[in-house]
Amino acid sequence: MSSHSPAIRSALNTIAVEKAGMSALEDALQNGLAEPFEQAVQAISAMKGRVVVTGIGKSGHIGSKLAATFASTGTPAFFVHAAEANHGDLGMINSNDVILALSWSGETAELKGIVSYSRRFKVPLIALTSGEHSTLGRESDVLLLLPKVVEACPHGVAPTTSTLMQLAVGDALALALLERRGFTASDFRVFHPGGSLGASLSHVKDIMHRGEELPLVKIGTPMPEAMRIHSHKHFGCVIVENEDGTLAGIITDGDLTRNVDRPMATLKVDDIMTRTPKTVSPDQLLGSTLALLNEARIGAVIVAENNRPVGLVHFHDLLRAGVA
């Protein structure tokens, strides 16, 4: 498809307009939006309940996503549809909670009930809106004022740039809270046990080969013996250790290929091994281990502890674990 086709021109224009909106948001965060953003983080950090995210229409869809992001990154949260709040769901909110209300204009009729409820029962209200003098903006305890920008929609109607900015501020809140709380990858795994994401948050020690499974030889081992172990263990490599058990090097299929013309029967592992092999720790995440294998273009990596080989992880192990 030509880069000058109407569809491509439209796509580039959409991205350009939304990019301008994000630049305006970045400028705001370095100026007037910085203090209320910090206030919002403090209010949520201090709460004893949950973040109640609310909105309607496109803002509601963004709010629903943000509630899920808060919850999955260690900030208890749930979404309440603004219209449903007026028909009984207000009972889900209590004074220990914090309300995060999304509305571009700040005058969304369906939000009036939840705003009134928050004032009556003294539930902290954070407004995410571009309407500084709107009902929502005036009544809020913390006003996250978004800069007014042009929608990417050619008619200026469909929420596009505005919802992107709402999403960005919400994500920024969730991640600022994550960092303040010291939320770790292990904590993240508790909320994401399934799928490739959950697998990538597992640790090397959970799947590594160890003990008698390892293709281990001592320094000085003749190459014929090392090749026998290489063939028997089926890892495509041999780990070489010093007499004191520390790591000396590794012999991979690549090392064997590079030395194929040499008289293997007369060589020792010292003669062809790679002396600075890649290693990972038992506590390294599988996701970062896969990244290492891809970056180094290797099929297996030694697991080392105190410079001693304690395990081995092969690319096929990552496949079986669901990471790759």
Protein backbone atom coordinates (compact mmCIF):
# COMPACT_ATOMS: atom_id res chain seq x y z
CA MET A 1 0.00 0.00 0.00
CA SER A 2 1.34 3.44 -0.93
CA SER A 3 2.40 5.68 1.94
CA HIS A 4 0.42 8.42 0.18
CA SER A 5 -2.89 6.57 0.22
CA PRO A 6 -5.83 8.22 2.04
CA ALA A 7 -5.74 5.55 4.77
CA ILE A 8 -2.05 6.14 5.51
CA ARG A 9 -2.48 9.92 5.48
CA SER A 10 -5.36 9.54 7.92
CA ALA A 11 -3.34 7.25 10.18
CA LEU A 12 -0.34 9.59 10.22
CA ASN A 13 -2.59 12.55 10.99
CA THR A 14 -4.24 10.66 13.86
CA ILE A 15 -0.86 9.78 15.35
CA ALA A 16 0.42 13.35 14.90
CA VAL A 17 -2.60 14.88 16.64
CA GLU A 18 -2.49 12.38 19.50
CA LYS A 19 1.27 12.86 19.82
CA ALA A 20 0.68 16.61 20.18
CA GLY A 21 -1.82 15.85 22.93
CA MET A 22 0.73 13.73 24.78
CA SER A 23 3.31 16.50 24.46
CA ALA A 24 0.82 18.95 25.97
CA LEU A 25 0.23 16.48 28.80
CA GLU A 26 3.96 16.13 29.39
CA ASP A 27 4.29 19.92 29.60
CA ALA A 28 1.38 20.06 32.06
CA LEU A 29 3.01 17.44 34.32
CA GLN A 30 6.11 19.61 34.51
CA ASN A 31 4.02 22.60 35.52
CA GLY A 32 0.54 22.95 37.03
CA LEU A 33 -0.42 19.28 36.98
CA ALA A 34 2.57 18.15 39.05
CA GLU A 35 1.24 19.17 42.47
CA PRO A 36 -2.26 17.64 42.13
CA PHE A 37 -0.73 14.48 40.67
CA GLU A 38 1.40 14.14 43.81
CA GLN A 39 -1.69 14.83 45.93
CA ALA A 40 -3.56 12.07 44.11
CA VAL A 41 -0.75 9.59 44.74
CA GLN A 42 -0.67 10.55 48.41
CA ALA A 43 -4.46 10.25 48.77
CA ILE A 44 -4.52 6.78 47.24
CA SER A 45 -1.47 5.66 49.20
CA ALA A 46 -3.12 6.71 52.46
CA MET A 47 -6.51 5.07 51.80
CA LYS A 48 -7.64 2.02 53.75
CA GLY A 49 -10.12 0.88 51.13
CA ARG A 50 -10.05 0.77 47.34
CA VAL A 51 -9.84 3.07 44.35
CA VAL A 52 -13.32 3.33 42.87
CA VAL A 53 -12.91 4.33 39.23
CA THR A 54 -15.99 5.70 37.52
CA GLY A 55 -17.05 7.21 34.20
CA ILE A 56 -19.40 6.70 31.29
CA GLY A 57 -19.05 6.28 27.54
CA LYS A 58 -15.48 6.25 26.25
CA SER A 59 -14.25 7.63 29.59
CA GLY A 60 -15.96 4.66 31.22
CA HIS A 61 -14.12 2.22 28.99
CA ILE A 62 -10.82 3.88 29.89
CA GLY A 63 -11.82 3.83 33.55
CA SER A 64 -12.55 0.12 33.43
CA LYS A 65 -9.08 -0.53 32.03
CA LEU A 66 -7.47 1.69 34.67
CA ALA A 67 -9.25 -0.12 37.50
CA ALA A 68 -7.79 -3.37 36.18
CA THR A 69 -4.33 -1.81 35.96
CA PHE A 70 -4.51 -0.50 39.53
CA ALA A 71 -5.65 -3.88 40.83
CA SER A 72 -2.97 -5.84 38.98
CA THR A 73 -0.18 -3.56 40.22
CA GLY A 74 -1.04 -3.76 43.90
CA THR A 75 -3.60 -0.97 44.37
CA PRO A 76 -7.01 -2.47 45.24
CA ALA A 77 -9.52 -1.06 42.78
CA PHE A 78 -12.76 -1.70 40.94
CA PHE A 79 -14.89 0.07 38.34
CA VAL A 80 -18.38 1.43 38.95
CA HIS A 81 -20.39 2.50 35.91
CA ALA A 82 -21.62 6.04 36.56
CA ALA A 83 -25.18 5.24 35.44
CA GLU A 84 -25.36 2.05 37.51
CA ALA A 85 -24.12 3.99 40.53
CA ASN A 86 -27.42 5.88 40.48
CA HIS A 87 -29.35 2.61 40.61
CA GLY A 88 -27.85 0.94 43.67
CA ASP A 89 -24.13 0.58 43.01
CA LEU A 90 -23.34 3.56 45.24
CA GLY A 91 -23.68 1.03 48.05
CA MET A 92 -20.38 -0.48 46.89
CA ILE A 93 -18.50 2.68 47.98
CA ASN A 94 -17.56 3.56 51.55
CA SER A 95 -15.63 6.28 53.35
CA ASN A 96 -12.40 4.25 53.30
CA ASP A 97 -12.32 4.40 49.50
CA VAL A 98 -11.06 7.01 47.06
CA ILE A 99 -13.09 7.86 43.95
CA LEU A 100 -11.33 8.55 40.64
CA ALA A 101 -13.90 10.08 38.27
CA LEU A 102 -13.21 10.45 34.54
CA SER A 103 -15.07 12.98 32.41
CA TRP A 104 -13.57 15.12 29.68
CA SER A 105 -16.09 17.93 30.14
CA GLY A 106 -16.69 17.43 33.85
CA GLU A 107 -20.42 17.97 33.32
CA THR A 108 -21.48 14.39 32.64
CA ALA A 109 -25.02 14.14 34.01
CA GLU A 110 -24.62 10.54 35.16
CA LEU A 111 -21.69 11.52 37.42
CA LYS A 112 -23.75 13.94 39.52
CA GLY A 113 -25.06 11.18 41.76
CA ILE A 114 -21.64 9.77 42.58
CA VAL A 115 -20.20 13.28 43.09
CA SER A 116 -23.04 14.14 45.49
CA TYR A 117 -22.55 10.84 47.32
CA SER A 118 -18.82 11.49 47.73
CA ARG A 119 -19.51 14.91 49.25
CA ARG A 120 -22.21 13.61 51.58
CA PHE A 121 -20.15 10.74 52.99
CA LYS A 122 -16.76 12.47 52.77
CA VAL A 123 -15.26 10.03 50.28
CA PRO A 124 -12.13 11.63 48.73
CA LEU A 125 -12.81 12.55 45.10
CA ILE A 126 -10.12 12.80 42.43
CA ALA A 127 -11.30 14.33 39.16
CA LEU A 128 -9.60 13.56 35.84
CA THR A 129 -11.07 16.18 33.49
CA SER A 130 -10.34 19.15 31.25
CA GLY A 131 -13.23 21.10 32.79
CA GLU A 132 -11.51 23.26 35.40
CA HIS A 133 -14.70 25.11 36.34
CA SER A 134 -17.06 22.20 35.75
CA THR A 135 -19.19 20.63 38.46
CA LEU A 136 -16.77 17.73 38.76
CA GLY A 137 -13.76 20.04 38.82
CA ARG A 138 -15.22 22.35 41.47
CA GLU A 139 -16.41 19.56 43.77
CA SER A 140 -13.26 17.43 43.64
CA ASP A 141 -10.69 17.22 46.41
CA VAL A 142 -7.93 16.74 43.84
CA LEU A 143 -8.26 18.12 40.32
CA LEU A 144 -6.12 16.44 37.69
CA LEU A 145 -6.68 19.07 35.02
CA LEU A 146 -5.99 17.84 31.51
CA PRO A 147 -4.92 20.37 28.88
CA LYS A 148 -7.61 21.05 26.30
CA VAL A 149 -6.46 19.60 23.00
CA VAL A 150 -7.84 18.79 19.57
CA GLU A 151 -9.39 15.36 19.04
CA ALA A 152 -7.81 13.31 16.29
CA CYS A 153 -11.28 12.74 14.84
CA PRO A 154 -11.58 14.91 11.66
CA HIS A 155 -14.94 16.17 12.94
CA GLY A 156 -13.53 16.88 16.38
CA VAL A 157 -16.21 14.69 17.93
CA ALA A 158 -15.04 11.12 18.62
CA PRO A 159 -13.01 10.90 21.86
CA THR A 160 -9.50 9.98 20.74
CA THR A 161 -6.76 12.33 21.96
CA SER A 162 -8.74 12.97 25.15
CA THR A 163 -9.11 9.29 26.04
CA LEU A 164 -5.44 8.65 25.28
CA MET A 165 -4.52 11.36 27.78
CA GLN A 166 -6.88 9.91 30.40
CA LEU A 167 -5.28 6.52 29.90
CA ALA A 168 -1.77 7.94 30.18
CA VAL A 169 -2.47 9.81 33.43
CA GLY A 170 -4.19 6.76 34.92
CA ASP A 171 -1.29 4.50 33.99
CA ALA A 172 1.13 7.06 35.43
CA LEU A 173 -0.80 7.04 38.71
CA ALA A 174 -0.78 3.24 38.88
CA LEU A 175 2.94 2.99 38.23
CA ALA A 176 3.83 5.82 40.62
CA LEU A 177 1.89 3.93 43.30
CA LEU A 178 3.62 0.69 42.32
CA GLU A 179 7.03 2.30 42.77
CA ARG A 180 6.08 4.00 46.03
CA ARG A 181 4.83 0.71 47.43
CA GLY A 182 7.94 -1.20 46.32
CA PHE A 183 5.75 -3.62 44.34
CA THR A 184 8.07 -6.28 42.87
CA ALA A 185 7.89 -8.62 39.89
CA SER A 186 7.18 -11.44 42.34
CA ASP A 187 4.22 -9.47 43.70
CA PHE A 188 3.07 -8.91 40.13
CA ARG A 189 3.15 -12.64 39.49
CA VAL A 190 0.64 -13.24 42.31
CA PHE A 191 -1.96 -11.37 40.26
CA HIS A 192 -0.85 -12.84 36.91
CA PRO A 193 -0.36 -16.59 37.46
CA GLY A 194 -1.62 -17.65 34.03
CA GLY A 195 -0.41 -17.42 30.46
CA SER A 196 2.96 -16.36 29.09
CA LEU A 197 3.06 -13.29 31.34
CA GLY A 198 2.75 -15.43 34.46
CA ALA A 199 5.37 -17.82 33.09
CA SER A 200 7.81 -14.98 32.34
CA LEU A 201 7.54 -13.92 35.98
CA SER A 202 8.63 -17.35 37.21
CA HIS A 203 12.24 -17.83 38.27
CA VAL A 204 15.09 -19.80 36.73
CA LYS A 205 15.29 -22.04 39.82
CA ASP A 206 11.72 -23.20 39.09
CA ILE A 207 12.67 -24.93 35.84
CA MET A 208 16.47 -25.35 35.75
CA HIS A 209 18.19 -28.72 35.34
CA ARG A 210 20.43 -29.60 38.28
CA GLY A 211 22.50 -32.33 39.91
CA GLU A 212 23.07 -35.47 37.84
CA GLU A 213 21.24 -33.92 34.87
CA LEU A 214 24.01 -31.41 34.27
CA PRO A 215 26.65 -32.02 31.55
CA LEU A 216 29.58 -31.33 33.89
CA VAL A 217 33.27 -32.06 33.32
CA LYS A 218 36.40 -30.99 35.15
CA ILE A 219 39.09 -28.78 33.70
CA GLY A 220 41.68 -30.91 31.90
CA THR A 221 39.12 -33.50 30.74
CA PRO A 222 40.08 -35.03 27.36
CA MET A 223 37.81 -33.92 24.54
CA PRO A 224 36.65 -37.48 23.65
CA GLU A 225 35.20 -37.82 27.19
CA ALA A 226 33.64 -34.35 27.01
CA MET A 227 32.06 -35.17 23.64
CA ARG A 228 30.62 -38.39 25.07
CA ILE A 229 28.92 -36.41 27.83
CA HIS A 230 27.85 -33.78 25.30
CA SER A 231 26.13 -36.46 23.25
CA HIS A 232 24.60 -38.26 26.24
CA LYS A 233 23.11 -35.22 28.01
CA HIS A 234 21.47 -33.66 24.90
CA PHE A 235 21.86 -30.01 25.95
CA GLY A 236 24.13 -28.97 23.11
CA CYS A 237 26.84 -27.93 25.56
CA VAL A 238 29.23 -29.09 28.27
CA ILE A 239 29.92 -27.09 31.44
CA VAL A 240 33.54 -27.05 32.53
CA GLU A 241 34.35 -26.54 36.20
CA ASN A 242 37.61 -26.06 38.05
CA GLU A 243 38.86 -28.58 40.61
CA ASP A 244 37.33 -26.44 43.40
CA GLY A 245 33.92 -26.52 41.73
CA THR A 246 33.96 -22.98 40.38
CA LEU A 247 32.99 -22.26 36.80
CA ALA A 248 35.80 -22.50 34.28
CA GLY A 249 33.98 -22.30 30.97
CA ILE A 250 31.57 -23.92 28.52
CA ILE A 251 31.85 -25.91 25.31
CA THR A 252 28.96 -25.37 22.93
CA ASP A 253 28.05 -26.76 19.54
CA GLY A 254 29.53 -23.56 18.13
CA ASP A 255 32.88 -24.25 19.81
CA LEU A 256 32.91 -27.76 18.36
CA THR A 257 32.10 -26.47 14.88
CA ARG A 258 34.85 -23.85 15.04
CA ASN A 259 37.40 -26.54 15.99
CA VAL A 260 36.17 -29.36 13.74
CA ASP A 261 39.45 -29.45 11.78
CA ARG A 262 41.56 -29.91 14.91
CA PRO A 263 42.60 -33.39 16.24
CA MET A 264 39.95 -33.76 18.98
CA ALA A 265 41.45 -36.99 20.26
CA THR A 266 44.54 -35.11 21.41
CA LEU A 267 42.81 -32.03 22.83
CA LYS A 268 41.45 -31.21 26.27
CA VAL A 269 38.43 -29.11 27.14
CA ASP A 270 40.78 -26.26 28.10
CA ASP A 271 41.87 -25.98 24.48
CA ILE A 272 38.52 -25.08 22.95
CA MET A 273 36.17 -23.97 25.73
CA THR A 274 34.70 -20.46 25.98
CA ARG A 275 36.17 -19.08 29.19
CA THR A 276 33.60 -16.33 29.83
CA PRO A 277 30.22 -18.02 29.40
CA LYS A 278 26.91 -16.25 29.93
CA THR A 279 25.33 -17.01 33.30
CA VAL A 280 22.15 -16.22 35.20
CA SER A 281 21.26 -16.48 38.86
CA PRO A 282 18.66 -18.94 40.21
CA ASP A 283 16.41 -15.99 41.10
CA GLN A 284 16.47 -14.42 37.64
CA LEU A 285 13.08 -14.14 35.94
CA LEU A 286 12.38 -16.41 32.98
CA GLY A 287 11.35 -13.43 30.88
CA SER A 288 14.75 -11.77 31.23
CA THR A 289 16.47 -15.14 30.72
CA LEU A 290 14.72 -15.52 27.38
CA ALA A 291 15.83 -12.00 26.46
CA LEU A 292 19.42 -12.96 27.27
CA LEU A 293 19.29 -16.09 25.09
CA ASN A 294 17.86 -14.10 22.20
CA GLU A 295 20.35 -11.26 22.54
CA ALA A 296 23.38 -13.54 22.84
CA ARG A 297 22.01 -15.98 20.23
CA ILE A 298 22.68 -18.99 22.43
CA GLY A 299 20.57 -22.06 23.10
CA ALA A 300 21.32 -22.58 26.77
CA VAL A 301 22.66 -20.65 29.74
CA ILE A 302 24.47 -21.74 32.90
CA VAL A 303 22.85 -21.01 36.25
CA ALA A 304 25.60 -19.92 38.64
CA GLU A 305 25.71 -19.12 42.33
CA ASN A 306 28.91 -17.76 43.90
CA ASN A 307 30.61 -18.53 40.57
CA ARG A 308 29.65 -22.20 40.86
CA PRO A 309 27.48 -23.89 38.23
CA VAL A 310 24.30 -25.07 39.95
CA GLY A 311 22.00 -25.47 36.99
CA LEU A 312 21.31 -25.12 33.30
CA VAL A 313 18.37 -23.68 31.38
CA HIS A 314 17.83 -24.52 27.72
CA PHE A 315 15.64 -22.62 25.27
CA HIS A 316 13.40 -25.69 25.10
CA ASP A 317 12.79 -25.40 28.85
CA LEU A 318 11.47 -21.88 28.29
CA LEU A 319 9.23 -23.18 25.53
CA ARG A 320 7.81 -25.86 27.81
CA ALA A 321 7.27 -23.28 30.55
CA GLY A 322 5.25 -21.14 28.16
CA VAL A 323 7.63 -18.16 28.12
CA ALA A 324 8.94 -18.37 24.57
